[in-house]
């Protein structure tokens, strides 16, 4: 699996079925996956782990980060 086994992905999704389906899919592909169901959980994961942040909600998160 090479580099994939070292990659860490954080999934932040409030819908349980989507979050868990993505987690299971990515784990089967060899990625290390963390999950959070809300922003508070995501911030905790970001503070506790070395994570690259990519979001599809850039406009809503950008005001929070500035």
N, C-alpha and C. Protein backbone atom coordinates (compact mmCIF):
# COMPACT_ATOMS: atom_id res chain seq x y z
N UNK A 1 0.81 -1.20 0.00
CA UNK A 1 0.00 0.00 0.00
C UNK A 1 0.84 1.26 0.00
N UNK A 2 2.07 1.21 0.43
CA UNK A 2 2.97 2.33 0.31
C UNK A 2 2.52 3.58 1.03
N UNK A 3 2.51 4.69 0.30
CA UNK A 3 2.19 5.98 0.89
C UNK A 3 0.77 6.06 1.42
N UNK A 4 -0.16 5.35 0.82
CA UNK A 4 -1.55 5.40 1.27
C UNK A 4 -1.66 5.01 2.73
N UNK A 5 -0.91 4.00 3.15
CA UNK A 5 -1.03 3.53 4.53
C UNK A 5 -0.59 4.59 5.52
N UNK A 6 0.18 5.59 5.08
CA UNK A 6 0.62 6.66 5.96
C UNK A 6 -0.28 7.89 5.86
N UNK A 7 -1.12 7.95 4.85
CA UNK A 7 -1.99 9.10 4.67
C UNK A 7 -3.08 9.10 5.74
N UNK A 8 -3.36 10.27 6.27
CA UNK A 8 -4.38 10.43 7.29
C UNK A 8 -5.46 11.35 6.75
N UNK A 9 -6.69 10.86 6.75
CA UNK A 9 -7.81 11.63 6.21
C UNK A 9 -8.83 11.85 7.32
N UNK A 10 -9.28 13.09 7.44
CA UNK A 10 -10.34 13.43 8.39
C UNK A 10 -11.62 13.70 7.61
N UNK A 11 -12.65 12.95 7.91
CA UNK A 11 -13.96 13.14 7.30
C UNK A 11 -14.85 13.84 8.32
N UNK A 12 -15.40 14.99 7.91
CA UNK A 12 -16.34 15.72 8.77
C UNK A 12 -17.67 15.75 8.03
N UNK A 13 -18.64 15.06 8.57
CA UNK A 13 -19.95 14.93 7.92
C UNK A 13 -20.98 14.65 9.00
N UNK A 14 -22.08 15.39 8.99
CA UNK A 14 -23.09 15.20 10.01
C UNK A 14 -24.01 14.02 9.74
N UNK A 15 -24.10 13.58 8.51
CA UNK A 15 -24.93 12.42 8.18
C UNK A 15 -24.16 11.14 8.47
N UNK A 16 -24.65 10.36 9.43
CA UNK A 16 -23.95 9.13 9.83
C UNK A 16 -23.67 8.20 8.67
N UNK A 17 -24.67 7.96 7.84
CA UNK A 17 -24.51 6.98 6.76
C UNK A 17 -23.43 7.42 5.76
N UNK A 18 -23.38 8.69 5.45
CA UNK A 18 -22.36 9.20 4.52
C UNK A 18 -20.98 9.11 5.16
N UNK A 19 -20.87 9.59 6.41
CA UNK A 19 -19.60 9.60 7.12
C UNK A 19 -19.03 8.19 7.25
N UNK A 20 -19.85 7.25 7.65
CA UNK A 20 -19.37 5.89 7.88
C UNK A 20 -19.09 5.15 6.57
N UNK A 21 -19.87 5.43 5.54
CA UNK A 21 -19.61 4.82 4.23
C UNK A 21 -18.28 5.30 3.67
N UNK A 22 -18.03 6.60 3.74
CA UNK A 22 -16.75 7.15 3.28
C UNK A 22 -15.59 6.57 4.09
N UNK A 23 -15.77 6.51 5.40
CA UNK A 23 -14.72 5.95 6.27
C UNK A 23 -14.39 4.52 5.87
N UNK A 24 -15.41 3.70 5.73
CA UNK A 24 -15.19 2.29 5.39
C UNK A 24 -14.54 2.14 4.03
N UNK A 25 -14.99 2.92 3.04
CA UNK A 25 -14.41 2.86 1.70
C UNK A 25 -12.92 3.21 1.73
N UNK A 26 -12.59 4.32 2.38
CA UNK A 26 -11.20 4.77 2.42
C UNK A 26 -10.32 3.82 3.22
N UNK A 27 -10.84 3.23 4.29
CA UNK A 27 -10.07 2.24 5.04
C UNK A 27 -9.76 1.02 4.18
N UNK A 28 -10.74 0.58 3.39
CA UNK A 28 -10.51 -0.56 2.50
C UNK A 28 -9.45 -0.24 1.45
N UNK A 29 -9.31 1.03 1.10
CA UNK A 29 -8.30 1.47 0.13
C UNK A 29 -6.93 1.67 0.79
N UNK A 30 -6.85 1.48 2.10
CA UNK A 30 -5.57 1.54 2.78
C UNK A 30 -5.24 2.84 3.49
N UNK A 31 -6.21 3.74 3.59
CA UNK A 31 -5.96 5.01 4.26
C UNK A 31 -6.29 4.91 5.75
N UNK A 32 -5.60 5.70 6.54
CA UNK A 32 -5.93 5.85 7.95
C UNK A 32 -6.97 6.96 8.03
N UNK A 33 -8.13 6.68 8.63
CA UNK A 33 -9.25 7.62 8.57
C UNK A 33 -9.72 7.99 9.97
N UNK A 34 -9.91 9.28 10.17
CA UNK A 34 -10.55 9.81 11.37
C UNK A 34 -11.88 10.41 10.95
N UNK A 35 -12.84 10.42 11.86
CA UNK A 35 -14.15 10.99 11.54
C UNK A 35 -14.60 11.95 12.64
N UNK A 36 -15.42 12.89 12.23
CA UNK A 36 -16.07 13.81 13.15
C UNK A 36 -17.44 14.14 12.58
N UNK A 37 -18.40 14.33 13.47
CA UNK A 37 -19.76 14.61 13.00
C UNK A 37 -20.10 16.10 13.01
N UNK A 38 -19.19 16.92 13.55
CA UNK A 38 -19.46 18.36 13.60
C UNK A 38 -18.15 19.14 13.68
N UNK A 39 -18.28 20.46 13.68
CA UNK A 39 -17.10 21.31 13.70
C UNK A 39 -16.27 21.19 14.95
N UNK A 40 -16.91 21.01 16.09
CA UNK A 40 -16.18 20.87 17.35
C UNK A 40 -15.32 19.61 17.33
N UNK A 41 -15.91 18.51 16.88
CA UNK A 41 -15.16 17.27 16.76
C UNK A 41 -14.03 17.38 15.76
N UNK A 42 -14.27 18.10 14.67
CA UNK A 42 -13.24 18.29 13.64
C UNK A 42 -12.08 19.10 14.19
N UNK A 43 -12.37 20.16 14.92
CA UNK A 43 -11.30 20.97 15.51
C UNK A 43 -10.47 20.16 16.49
N UNK A 44 -11.13 19.32 17.27
CA UNK A 44 -10.39 18.45 18.20
C UNK A 44 -9.45 17.53 17.43
N UNK A 45 -9.96 16.92 16.35
CA UNK A 45 -9.12 16.04 15.54
C UNK A 45 -7.96 16.82 14.91
N UNK A 46 -8.23 18.03 14.43
CA UNK A 46 -7.17 18.85 13.82
C UNK A 46 -6.09 19.21 14.83
N UNK A 47 -6.49 19.50 16.05
CA UNK A 47 -5.52 19.86 17.08
C UNK A 47 -4.72 18.65 17.57
N UNK A 48 -5.35 17.48 17.56
CA UNK A 48 -4.71 16.26 18.08
C UNK A 48 -3.89 15.51 17.04
N UNK A 49 -4.03 15.84 15.76
CA UNK A 49 -3.38 15.08 14.69
C UNK A 49 -2.78 16.02 13.65
N UNK A 50 -1.82 15.50 12.90
CA UNK A 50 -1.18 16.25 11.81
C UNK A 50 -2.02 16.03 10.55
N UNK A 51 -2.92 16.97 10.24
CA UNK A 51 -3.89 16.79 9.17
C UNK A 51 -3.79 17.93 8.17
N UNK A 52 -3.81 17.59 6.89
CA UNK A 52 -3.93 18.57 5.81
C UNK A 52 -5.42 18.86 5.65
N UNK A 53 -5.81 20.12 5.68
CA UNK A 53 -7.22 20.48 5.61
C UNK A 53 -7.64 20.85 4.19
N UNK A 54 -8.61 20.13 3.68
CA UNK A 54 -9.26 20.45 2.41
C UNK A 54 -10.75 20.42 2.68
N UNK A 55 -11.47 21.44 2.25
CA UNK A 55 -12.90 21.49 2.51
C UNK A 55 -13.67 21.90 1.27
N UNK A 56 -14.88 21.40 1.15
CA UNK A 56 -15.75 21.84 0.07
C UNK A 56 -16.64 22.99 0.55
N UNK A 57 -16.46 23.38 1.80
CA UNK A 57 -17.24 24.48 2.37
C UNK A 57 -16.31 25.65 2.68
N UNK A 58 -15.45 25.99 1.74
CA UNK A 58 -14.42 27.00 1.97
C UNK A 58 -14.99 28.35 2.38
N UNK A 59 -16.11 28.75 1.81
CA UNK A 59 -16.65 30.07 2.14
C UNK A 59 -17.12 30.13 3.59
N UNK A 60 -17.69 29.06 4.10
CA UNK A 60 -18.18 29.09 5.47
C UNK A 60 -17.07 28.88 6.48
N UNK A 61 -16.03 28.15 6.12
CA UNK A 61 -14.95 27.92 7.07
C UNK A 61 -13.93 29.05 7.04
N UNK A 62 -13.81 29.74 5.91
CA UNK A 62 -12.77 30.78 5.81
C UNK A 62 -13.01 31.91 6.80
N UNK A 63 -14.24 32.30 7.03
CA UNK A 63 -14.50 33.36 7.99
C UNK A 63 -14.17 32.90 9.41
N UNK A 64 -14.32 31.61 9.66
CA UNK A 64 -13.98 31.06 10.96
C UNK A 64 -12.47 31.06 11.19
N UNK A 65 -11.71 30.76 10.13
CA UNK A 65 -10.26 30.65 10.26
C UNK A 65 -9.55 32.00 10.31
N UNK A 66 -10.19 33.06 9.84
CA UNK A 66 -9.54 34.38 9.80
C UNK A 66 -9.80 35.13 11.03
